[in-house]
């Protein structure tokens, strides 16, 4: 099968970015391209049409290639739970929980088999597979258990690009050191070097490039400038680098940065709204007075709930809601907003029953059976009749329970959609909760929700007859591909593809 590989000198060197760009660049050149990452560790997940979980980054790469995401593009997904364990998703399905120490013994052989089977299927369907590594390929203490980097490259005999982040400093040492630690068979596969996140003048870098090429015998095939465009990240560390939106923003939204935050790609469409400022607030930080507070998804809702209560953020959110503030919970955040969370089997690591924020009369029980599926529904609020698409990923079963107050005093909760299980909103349209990831991707629904916030501020409504976020994503992918292609010479890679 035809394949190329991208590995990095470090984490966050730009592997996902480059693979995404390559998928769009090569598909434009007429190749039928598939992305591939054998093993991914991330809490940003996507659900395919078959109900399989894969890393969200691989879904974006598939869209860049102009094809539908499928489970073979990411056969192993590890979802950290924050208690030194990770949930193991094998071929799109949760198969267990393990520690880093036990992972090699429990899942290495099954994982490598899944990788080989996935590559074989992709090889039958696509002209070219663009493979992504993870972290560094030269972690000598972990190399025997590395399923993602040069094991895949040597298996495929794939010409490989080594990408390095110059913004960190020490880029030449990173590149040379990585090459020195590779086995001769692995090093022979490195056909090109890419330097990423360059901010300076190219002529000042040129002497270093010439030295590097002479020292290694490998051409530098690209120097990619620092890109300001936002790009979906794989892990929550990237949230620390995100800046608050422009001062020209009219609406301020605070997203609680839970320690085990998952699927924070849900908020990319909000960040893309010119009139909206999105601020990620840690549990120990001051909440302030935003126009809305969002509790995002969580891989371990009970553990994050306990932390919110210990830090005082839970009380701050409750006080904010009591004062009439708008609060929305998505998936794990929806569960946290309820009256009770129970984990009788300790699936999330905290066995027992826990009192939630009490913003919605919900009771959630964590079960071993995970729900993962795409959904297509019709909205009832904040505007009736809007088509809404998204996906569910959760292990909780949630019920709206009868309030103990007199009927005349009890707040009334309405279904957000024509499927009541997916979410509710109160009479005042202030307290929202949903299991639907990707809800803000739906442009008309997002604008209708924002317009209620704008009305409270005395601002005029935004037009709701807009496209969904996928069209903005397409524009971003095109711009990304065009920028990177102008700084990249792929001839040493494509010419050597088997």
Protein backbone atom coordinates (compact mmCIF):
# COMPACT_ATOMS: atom_id res chain seq x y z
CA UNK A 1 0.00 0.00 0.00
CA UNK A 2 1.14 3.58 -0.65
CA UNK A 3 1.79 5.57 2.53
CA UNK A 4 3.77 8.46 3.93
CA UNK A 5 4.49 9.14 7.58
CA UNK A 6 4.83 12.27 9.72
CA UNK A 7 6.70 12.07 13.04
CA UNK A 8 7.77 14.89 15.34
CA UNK A 9 10.75 15.67 17.49
CA UNK A 10 8.39 16.47 20.37
CA UNK A 11 4.73 16.65 21.27
CA UNK A 12 2.99 19.69 19.75
CA UNK A 13 5.61 19.95 17.01
CA UNK A 14 2.86 20.20 14.40
CA UNK A 15 2.23 16.61 13.30
CA UNK A 16 -1.56 16.86 13.30
CA UNK A 17 -1.43 20.20 11.52
CA UNK A 18 0.88 18.90 8.80
CA UNK A 19 -1.07 15.67 8.27
CA UNK A 20 -4.28 17.69 7.97
CA UNK A 21 -2.71 19.99 5.40
CA UNK A 22 -1.23 17.05 3.48
CA UNK A 23 -4.64 15.38 3.31
CA UNK A 24 -6.13 18.47 1.68
CA UNK A 25 -3.11 19.17 -0.55
CA UNK A 26 -2.86 15.62 -1.89
CA UNK A 27 -6.61 15.18 -2.31
CA UNK A 28 -6.57 18.34 -4.42
CA UNK A 29 -3.89 16.73 -6.57
CA UNK A 30 -6.22 13.86 -7.34
CA UNK A 31 -5.20 11.26 -4.75
CA UNK A 32 -7.86 9.47 -2.75
CA UNK A 33 -6.30 10.02 0.66
CA UNK A 34 -6.93 8.64 4.15
CA UNK A 35 -5.41 9.87 7.41
CA UNK A 36 -4.20 7.34 9.95
CA UNK A 37 -3.00 7.42 13.55
CA UNK A 38 -2.52 3.98 15.03
CA UNK A 39 -2.83 5.06 18.65
CA UNK A 40 -4.04 8.39 19.94
CA UNK A 41 -4.29 9.66 23.50
CA UNK A 42 -6.90 12.39 23.64
CA UNK A 43 -10.17 13.41 25.26
CA UNK A 44 -11.45 15.06 22.10
CA UNK A 45 -13.37 12.29 20.36
CA UNK A 46 -15.71 12.00 17.40
CA UNK A 47 -18.36 9.40 16.67
CA UNK A 48 -18.50 7.92 13.15
CA UNK A 49 -21.67 6.93 11.32
CA UNK A 50 -21.22 3.39 12.67
CA UNK A 51 -21.12 4.63 16.28
CA UNK A 52 -17.37 4.14 16.65
CA UNK A 53 -15.18 6.53 18.65
CA UNK A 54 -12.04 7.97 17.08
CA UNK A 55 -9.86 10.95 17.86
CA UNK A 56 -11.42 14.22 16.75
CA UNK A 57 -8.17 15.17 15.03
CA UNK A 58 -8.50 12.17 12.71
CA UNK A 59 -12.08 13.21 11.90
CA UNK A 60 -10.80 16.68 10.92
CA UNK A 61 -8.08 15.06 8.80
CA UNK A 62 -10.68 12.91 7.07
CA UNK A 63 -12.76 16.01 6.29
CA UNK A 64 -9.57 17.61 4.95
CA UNK A 65 -9.18 14.62 2.64
CA UNK A 66 -12.81 14.96 1.55
CA UNK A 67 -13.85 11.57 2.93
CA UNK A 68 -16.03 10.39 5.79
CA UNK A 69 -14.28 9.59 9.10
CA UNK A 70 -14.08 5.86 9.80
CA UNK A 71 -12.81 3.77 12.67
CA UNK A 72 -9.82 2.37 10.76
CA UNK A 73 -8.29 5.86 10.73
CA UNK A 74 -7.67 5.62 14.47
CA UNK A 75 -7.99 2.01 15.71
CA UNK A 76 -6.74 2.75 19.25
CA UNK A 77 -7.91 5.72 21.31
CA UNK A 78 -6.79 6.15 24.92
CA UNK A 79 -8.91 8.51 27.03
CA UNK A 80 -7.16 9.54 30.29
CA UNK A 81 -9.42 9.55 33.34
CA UNK A 82 -7.19 11.55 35.65
CA UNK A 83 -6.58 8.75 38.17
CA UNK A 84 -3.49 7.31 36.42
CA UNK A 85 -5.77 5.16 34.27
CA UNK A 86 -7.11 5.47 30.75
CA UNK A 87 -10.15 4.04 29.08
CA UNK A 88 -9.10 1.93 26.10
CA UNK A 89 -11.10 2.35 22.89
CA UNK A 90 -10.19 -0.46 20.49
CA UNK A 91 -11.66 -0.36 17.00
CA UNK A 92 -14.09 2.28 18.17
CA UNK A 93 -15.44 0.44 21.24
CA UNK A 94 -14.59 0.75 24.91
CA UNK A 95 -12.89 -2.49 25.97
CA UNK A 96 -11.56 -1.67 29.42
CA UNK A 97 -9.50 0.57 31.64
CA UNK A 98 -5.79 0.26 32.28
CA UNK A 99 -2.72 1.95 33.72
CA UNK A 100 0.34 2.89 31.69
CA UNK A 101 2.21 0.07 33.42
CA UNK A 102 -0.32 -2.59 32.49
CA UNK A 103 -1.19 -1.32 29.03
CA UNK A 104 1.73 -3.05 27.33
CA UNK A 105 0.86 -6.45 28.81
CA UNK A 106 -2.89 -6.15 28.30
CA UNK A 107 -3.29 -4.45 24.95
CA UNK A 108 -0.04 -4.30 22.95
CA UNK A 109 -0.58 -7.44 20.85
CA UNK A 110 -4.29 -6.75 20.29
CA UNK A 111 -3.45 -3.14 19.45
CA UNK A 112 -0.80 -4.03 16.88
CA UNK A 113 -3.19 -6.51 15.27
CA UNK A 114 -5.88 -3.81 15.09
CA UNK A 115 -3.39 -1.42 13.48
CA UNK A 116 -2.39 -3.97 10.84
CA UNK A 117 -6.00 -4.85 10.05
CA UNK A 118 -6.96 -1.18 9.81
CA UNK A 119 -4.07 -0.38 7.49
CA UNK A 120 -5.00 -3.31 5.27
CA UNK A 121 -8.58 -2.07 4.93
CA UNK A 122 -7.51 1.50 4.25
CA UNK A 123 -4.98 0.27 1.70
CA UNK A 124 -7.75 -1.43 -0.25
CA UNK A 125 -9.94 1.69 -0.31
CA UNK A 126 -7.47 4.57 -0.71
CA UNK A 127 -4.60 5.54 -3.02
CA UNK A 128 -2.47 6.94 -0.22
CA UNK A 129 -2.44 6.77 3.58
CA UNK A 130 -1.00 9.76 5.43
CA UNK A 131 0.12 8.43 8.83
CA UNK A 132 0.73 10.47 11.95
CA UNK A 133 3.04 9.58 14.81
CA UNK A 134 2.66 10.54 18.45
CA UNK A 135 5.01 12.44 20.72
CA UNK A 136 8.57 11.61 19.73
CA UNK A 137 9.80 8.48 17.88
CA UNK A 138 13.02 8.51 19.92
CA UNK A 139 11.77 7.85 23.46
CA UNK A 140 14.22 5.02 24.06
CA UNK A 141 12.61 3.98 27.36
CA UNK A 142 9.24 3.51 25.64
CA UNK A 143 10.27 2.35 22.19
CA UNK A 144 9.56 -1.32 22.78
CA UNK A 145 5.91 -0.49 23.43
CA UNK A 146 5.50 2.27 20.81
CA UNK A 147 2.69 1.35 18.44
CA UNK A 148 2.46 4.67 16.66
CA UNK A 149 5.73 5.95 15.26
CA UNK A 150 8.54 4.10 13.47
CA UNK A 151 6.96 0.69 14.00
CA UNK A 152 4.25 1.80 11.59
CA UNK A 153 6.70 3.53 9.26
CA UNK A 154 8.95 0.46 8.96
CA UNK A 155 5.95 -1.85 8.58
CA UNK A 156 4.76 0.24 5.63
CA UNK A 157 8.27 1.18 4.41
CA UNK A 158 6.81 4.67 4.29
CA UNK A 159 8.88 7.73 3.37
CA UNK A 160 8.78 9.81 6.53
CA UNK A 161 8.79 13.52 7.34
CA UNK A 162 10.35 14.69 10.62
CA UNK A 163 8.77 17.93 11.85
CA UNK A 164 10.22 20.14 14.59
CA UNK A 165 8.98 23.22 16.47
CA UNK A 166 11.48 26.07 16.22
CA UNK A 167 9.44 28.28 18.56
CA UNK A 168 10.50 26.08 21.51
CA UNK A 169 14.18 26.79 20.83
CA UNK A 170 16.90 24.21 20.21
CA UNK A 171 15.39 23.05 16.93
CA UNK A 172 18.66 21.80 15.43
CA UNK A 173 19.49 19.82 18.57
CA UNK A 174 15.98 18.32 18.55
CA UNK A 175 16.34 17.22 14.93
CA UNK A 176 19.88 15.86 15.14
CA UNK A 177 19.25 14.19 18.48
CA UNK A 178 16.10 12.48 17.21
CA UNK A 179 17.90 11.17 14.13
CA UNK A 180 20.82 9.92 16.23
CA UNK A 181 18.47 7.87 18.42
CA UNK A 182 16.73 6.13 15.53
CA UNK A 183 17.83 2.72 14.34
CA UNK A 184 19.58 2.74 10.93
CA UNK A 185 16.54 1.14 9.27
CA UNK A 186 14.30 3.81 10.77
CA UNK A 187 16.61 6.70 9.97
CA UNK A 188 16.80 5.62 6.33
CA UNK A 189 13.06 6.25 6.04
CA UNK A 190 13.37 9.95 6.99
CA UNK A 191 13.25 11.63 3.58
CA UNK A 192 12.54 15.19 4.60
CA UNK A 193 12.69 17.63 7.52
CA UNK A 194 10.13 20.35 8.22
CA UNK A 195 10.74 23.27 10.58
CA UNK A 196 7.47 24.57 12.01
CA UNK A 197 6.32 27.80 13.74
CA UNK A 198 9.04 30.03 12.29
CA UNK A 199 8.58 33.73 13.10
CA UNK A 200 11.78 35.29 11.79
CA UNK A 201 13.45 36.14 8.50
CA UNK A 202 14.19 33.11 6.34
CA UNK A 203 17.62 34.37 5.27
CA UNK A 204 18.76 34.36 8.91
CA UNK A 205 17.76 30.71 9.20
CA UNK A 206 19.37 29.63 5.94
CA UNK A 207 22.91 28.99 7.29
CA UNK A 208 21.42 26.62 9.87
CA UNK A 209 19.39 24.82 7.21
CA UNK A 210 22.49 24.34 5.06
CA UNK A 211 24.44 23.00 8.05
CA UNK A 212 21.60 20.65 8.95
CA UNK A 213 21.31 19.26 5.43
CA UNK A 214 25.07 18.73 5.21
CA UNK A 215 25.18 17.12 8.68
CA UNK A 216 22.25 14.75 8.16
CA UNK A 217 22.12 14.25 4.41
CA UNK A 218 18.35 14.86 4.59
CA UNK A 219 16.74 17.81 2.80
CA UNK A 220 14.78 20.45 4.66
CA UNK A 221 11.61 20.35 2.58
CA UNK A 222 9.74 23.11 4.36
CA UNK A 223 9.87 26.01 6.79
CA UNK A 224 6.31 26.70 7.92
CA UNK A 225 5.64 30.14 9.37
CA UNK A 226 3.78 30.74 12.61
CA UNK A 227 0.09 30.36 11.81
CA UNK A 228 -2.44 32.45 13.68
CA UNK A 229 -5.40 30.42 12.43
CA UNK A 230 -7.08 28.39 15.16
CA UNK A 231 -6.87 24.66 14.66
CA UNK A 232 -8.60 21.90 16.64
CA UNK A 233 -6.16 20.63 19.25
CA UNK A 234 -5.89 17.13 20.66
CA UNK A 235 -5.49 17.79 24.37
CA UNK A 236 -6.48 20.30 27.00
CA UNK A 237 -2.95 21.70 27.39
CA UNK A 238 -3.69 23.80 24.33
CA UNK A 239 -6.40 25.63 26.28
CA UNK A 240 -3.68 27.28 28.34
CA UNK A 241 -2.38 28.91 25.16
CA UNK A 242 -5.74 30.18 23.96
CA UNK A 243 -6.20 33.89 24.23
CA UNK A 244 -9.43 35.64 25.07
CA UNK A 245 -11.20 37.01 22.03
CA UNK A 246 -11.01 40.60 20.83
CA UNK A 247 -12.04 43.53 23.01
CA UNK A 248 -14.65 44.28 20.34
CA UNK A 249 -16.65 41.26 21.51
CA UNK A 250 -20.17 42.01 22.67
CA UNK A 251 -20.96 38.70 24.41
CA UNK A 252 -18.71 37.02 26.98
CA UNK A 253 -18.92 33.27 27.54
CA UNK A 254 -17.01 31.51 30.32
CA UNK A 255 -16.20 27.83 29.78
CA UNK A 256 -15.19 26.06 32.99
CA UNK A 257 -11.82 24.42 32.33
CA UNK A 258 -12.46 21.15 34.11
CA UNK A 259 -9.32 19.08 34.83
CA UNK A 260 -10.76 16.20 32.79
CA UNK A 261 -12.38 18.36 30.12
CA UNK A 262 -13.35 16.47 26.99
CA UNK A 263 -14.56 17.47 23.55
CA UNK A 264 -13.68 21.12 24.02
CA UNK A 265 -13.78 21.28 20.22
CA UNK A 266 -17.49 21.89 20.93
CA UNK A 267 -16.54 25.55 21.46
CA UNK A 268 -14.57 26.19 18.27
CA UNK A 269 -17.71 27.58 16.56
CA UNK A 270 -18.27 30.01 19.45
CA UNK A 271 -14.66 31.16 19.25
CA UNK A 272 -15.16 31.75 15.53
CA UNK A 273 -18.05 34.17 16.21
CA UNK A 274 -16.65 37.72 15.85
CA UNK A 275 -19.01 39.12 18.48
CA UNK A 276 -18.25 36.46 21.11
CA UNK A 277 -15.40 36.28 23.60
CA UNK A 278 -14.73 32.78 25.00
CA UNK A 279 -12.77 32.62 28.25
CA UNK A 280 -11.60 29.32 29.79
CA UNK A 281 -11.86 29.60 33.58
CA UNK A 282 -10.04 27.21 35.90
CA UNK A 283 -11.77 25.92 39.06
CA UNK A 284 -9.57 28.11 41.28
CA UNK A 285 -10.06 31.26 39.22
CA UNK A 286 -12.69 33.97 39.60
CA UNK A 287 -15.84 33.37 37.57
CA UNK A 288 -16.72 37.03 37.14
CA UNK A 289 -19.93 38.15 35.45
CA UNK A 290 -20.06 36.59 31.97
CA UNK A 291 -23.17 36.51 29.81
CA UNK A 292 -23.17 32.71 30.00
CA UNK A 293 -21.31 29.94 31.80
CA UNK A 294 -20.75 26.58 30.10
CA UNK A 295 -19.89 23.36 31.91
CA UNK A 296 -18.22 21.22 29.22
CA UNK A 297 -17.88 17.50 28.75
CA UNK A 298 -15.76 15.54 31.23
CA UNK A 299 -14.17 12.12 31.13
CA UNK A 300 -14.78 11.80 34.87
CA UNK A 301 -17.75 13.97 35.83
CA UNK A 302 -17.83 12.95 39.49
CA UNK A 303 -14.15 13.74 40.07
CA UNK A 304 -14.58 17.12 38.39
CA UNK A 305 -17.73 17.80 40.40
CA UNK A 306 -15.86 17.10 43.65
CA UNK A 307 -13.10 19.50 42.63
CA UNK A 308 -15.61 22.24 41.77
CA UNK A 309 -17.12 21.83 45.21
CA UNK A 310 -13.75 21.86 47.00
CA UNK A 311 -12.52 24.99 45.21
CA UNK A 312 -15.71 26.99 45.65
CA UNK A 313 -16.40 27.16 41.92
CA UNK A 314 -19.55 25.05 42.39
CA UNK A 315 -20.96 27.65 44.80
CA UNK A 316 -19.95 30.47 42.44
CA UNK A 317 -21.86 28.83 39.58
CA UNK A 318 -24.89 28.20 41.81
CA UNK A 319 -24.90 31.84 42.94
CA UNK A 320 -24.51 33.01 39.36
CA UNK A 321 -27.51 30.88 38.30
CA UNK A 322 -29.60 32.06 41.28
CA UNK A 323 -28.99 35.65 40.20
CA UNK A 324 -30.49 34.88 36.79
CA UNK A 325 -27.31 33.98 34.91
CA UNK A 326 -27.35 31.62 31.94
CA UNK A 327 -25.71 28.23 32.52
CA UNK A 328 -25.37 25.44 29.98
CA UNK A 329 -24.03 21.95 30.59
CA UNK A 330 -22.88 19.61 27.81
CA UNK A 331 -22.60 15.86 28.43
CA UNK A 332 -20.57 15.52 31.64
CA UNK A 333 -21.37 19.14 32.44
CA UNK A 334 -25.07 18.30 32.01
CA UNK A 335 -24.66 15.51 34.56
CA UNK A 336 -22.83 17.81 36.99
CA UNK A 337 -25.74 20.29 36.87
CA UNK A 338 -28.13 17.63 38.21
CA UNK A 339 -29.14 16.72 41.75
CA UNK A 340 -27.36 13.39 41.98
CA UNK A 341 -24.58 11.45 40.27
CA UNK A 342 -24.18 7.78 41.18
CA UNK A 343 -21.40 5.44 40.16
CA UNK A 344 -22.28 2.12 41.87
CA UNK A 345 -19.54 0.18 40.07
CA UNK A 346 -16.78 2.79 40.36
CA UNK A 347 -16.47 2.99 36.57
CA UNK A 348 -15.17 6.55 36.74
CA UNK A 349 -13.02 5.75 39.74
CA UNK A 350 -15.31 7.25 42.40
CA UNK A 351 -17.76 4.63 43.59
CA UNK A 352 -20.82 5.97 45.42
CA UNK A 353 -23.48 8.68 45.25
CA UNK A 354 -22.65 12.37 44.99
CA UNK A 355 -24.74 15.52 45.24
CA UNK A 356 -24.60 17.63 42.08
CA UNK A 357 -25.03 21.36 41.62
CA UNK A 358 -28.81 21.01 41.79
CA UNK A 359 -29.48 23.37 38.88
CA UNK A 360 -31.65 20.79 37.11
CA UNK A 361 -33.66 18.00 38.81
CA UNK A 362 -31.63 15.23 37.19
CA UNK A 363 -30.33 11.95 38.50
CA UNK A 364 -27.55 10.22 36.63
CA UNK A 365 -26.25 6.69 37.06
CA UNK A 366 -22.90 5.80 35.47
CA UNK A 367 -23.12 2.40 33.75
CA UNK A 368 -20.65 0.18 31.96
CA UNK A 369 -22.51 0.42 28.66
CA UNK A 370 -21.40 3.46 26.68
CA UNK A 371 -23.69 5.33 24.30
CA UNK A 372 -21.84 6.54 21.21
CA UNK A 373 -23.91 7.55 18.21
CA UNK A 374 -24.61 10.34 15.78
CA UNK A 375 -27.90 12.17 16.16
CA UNK A 376 -30.14 14.25 13.93
CA UNK A 377 -33.01 16.02 15.71
CA UNK A 378 -35.27 19.07 15.51
CA UNK A 379 -35.07 21.89 18.03
CA UNK A 380 -37.87 23.14 20.24
CA UNK A 381 -35.79 25.84 21.97
CA UNK A 382 -34.57 28.53 21.62
CA UNK A 383 -36.31 28.42 18.25
CA UNK A 384 -38.74 25.79 17.04
CA UNK A 385 -38.07 23.65 13.99
CA UNK A 386 -34.32 24.07 13.48
CA UNK A 387 -32.50 20.93 12.26
CA UNK A 388 -29.69 20.03 14.66
CA UNK A 389 -27.01 17.36 14.21
CA UNK A 390 -24.38 16.17 16.65
CA UNK A 391 -23.25 13.09 18.52
CA UNK A 392 -23.46 11.45 21.92
CA UNK A 393 -20.57 9.94 23.89
CA UNK A 394 -21.46 9.09 27.49
CA UNK A 395 -21.81 6.29 30.01
CA UNK A 396 -24.44 7.97 32.17
CA UNK A 397 -28.17 7.27 32.14
CA UNK A 398 -29.99 10.45 33.13
CA UNK A 399 -33.57 10.98 34.26
CA UNK A 400 -35.50 14.17 34.96
CA UNK A 401 -37.09 13.61 38.37
CA UNK A 402 -40.19 15.11 39.99
CA UNK A 403 -39.50 18.16 42.12
CA UNK A 404 -40.57 17.98 45.78
CA UNK A 405 -42.03 21.50 45.73
CA UNK A 406 -45.66 22.32 45.11
CA UNK A 407 -46.55 22.17 41.43
CA UNK A 408 -47.13 25.94 41.28
CA UNK A 409 -43.64 26.61 42.66
CA UNK A 410 -41.69 23.99 40.78
CA UNK A 411 -39.76 25.24 37.75
CA UNK A 412 -40.90 23.75 34.48
CA UNK A 413 -38.37 22.07 32.20
CA UNK A 414 -38.89 21.65 28.48
CA UNK A 415 -37.27 19.34 25.96
CA UNK A 416 -34.63 21.07 23.88
CA UNK A 417 -35.33 18.76 20.96
CA UNK A 418 -37.92 16.34 19.70
CA UNK A 419 -35.97 13.68 21.64
CA UNK A 420 -36.32 14.52 25.36
CA UNK A 421 -33.35 12.34 26.33
CA UNK A 422 -30.97 14.76 24.64
CA UNK A 423 -31.55 17.79 26.83
CA UNK A 424 -33.78 20.23 28.68
CA UNK A 425 -34.17 23.95 29.32
CA UNK A 426 -36.08 25.76 32.05
CA UNK A 427 -38.99 28.19 31.61
CA UNK A 428 -36.76 31.26 31.78
CA UNK A 429 -34.38 29.88 29.10
CA UNK A 430 -31.54 30.38 31.58
CA UNK A 431 -30.64 26.79 32.55
CA UNK A 432 -29.70 24.54 29.64
CA UNK A 433 -28.42 20.97 29.56
CA UNK A 434 -27.75 18.59 26.71
CA UNK A 435 -25.98 15.35 25.85
CA UNK A 436 -25.36 16.55 22.28
CA UNK A 437 -21.75 17.25 21.35
CA UNK A 438 -21.31 19.52 18.36
CA UNK A 439 -24.43 21.53 19.20
CA UNK A 440 -22.75 24.86 18.41
CA UNK A 441 -21.67 23.57 14.99
CA UNK A 442 -25.28 24.17 13.94
CA UNK A 443 -25.15 27.78 12.78
CA UNK A 444 -28.85 28.77 13.01
CA UNK A 445 -29.22 27.13 16.45
CA UNK A 446 -26.02 28.74 17.72
CA UNK A 447 -27.14 32.18 16.58
CA UNK A 448 -30.62 31.72 18.09
CA UNK A 449 -28.99 30.81 21.43
CA UNK A 450 -26.63 33.78 21.25
CA UNK A 451 -29.46 36.14 20.32
CA UNK A 452 -31.15 35.46 23.65
CA UNK A 453 -27.95 36.58 25.40
CA UNK A 454 -27.81 39.62 23.16
CA UNK A 455 -31.38 40.56 23.96
CA UNK A 456 -30.54 40.52 27.66
CA UNK A 457 -27.77 43.02 26.91
CA UNK A 458 -30.05 45.19 24.79
CA UNK A 459 -28.18 44.27 21.61
CA UNK A 460 -29.73 43.65 18.24
CA UNK A 461 -30.15 40.08 17.00
CA UNK A 462 -27.66 38.43 14.68
CA UNK A 463 -29.01 36.86 11.47
CA UNK A 464 -29.81 33.18 11.95
CA UNK A 465 -29.92 32.23 8.27
CA UNK A 466 -26.28 31.20 8.22
CA UNK A 467 -24.43 28.04 7.30
CA UNK A 468 -23.16 25.49 9.76
CA UNK A 469 -19.63 25.57 11.13
CA UNK A 470 -18.47 22.91 8.69
CA UNK A 471 -18.38 25.54 5.94
CA UNK A 472 -16.11 27.73 8.08
CA UNK A 473 -14.02 24.64 8.72
CA UNK A 474 -13.74 24.03 4.99
CA UNK A 475 -12.50 27.57 4.47
CA UNK A 476 -9.97 27.09 7.28
CA UNK A 477 -8.75 23.81 5.78
CA UNK A 478 -8.34 25.40 2.36
CA UNK A 479 -6.42 28.33 3.82
CA UNK A 480 -4.24 25.97 5.86
CA UNK A 481 -3.43 23.83 2.83
CA UNK A 482 -2.64 26.81 0.63
CA UNK A 483 -0.35 28.38 3.21
CA UNK A 484 1.57 25.20 3.97
CA UNK A 485 1.80 24.10 0.34
CA UNK A 486 3.48 27.40 -0.52
CA UNK A 487 6.23 26.61 2.02
CA UNK A 488 6.63 22.90 1.28
CA UNK A 489 8.42 20.84 -1.35
CA UNK A 490 6.87 17.37 -1.37
CA UNK A 491 8.85 15.97 -4.29
CA UNK A 492 11.35 14.03 -2.12
CA UNK A 493 8.41 12.38 -0.33
CA UNK A 494 5.91 11.72 -3.08
CA UNK A 495 8.57 10.51 -5.51
CA UNK A 496 9.72 7.90 -3.00
CA UNK A 497 6.25 6.70 -2.02
CA UNK A 498 6.09 2.96 -2.72
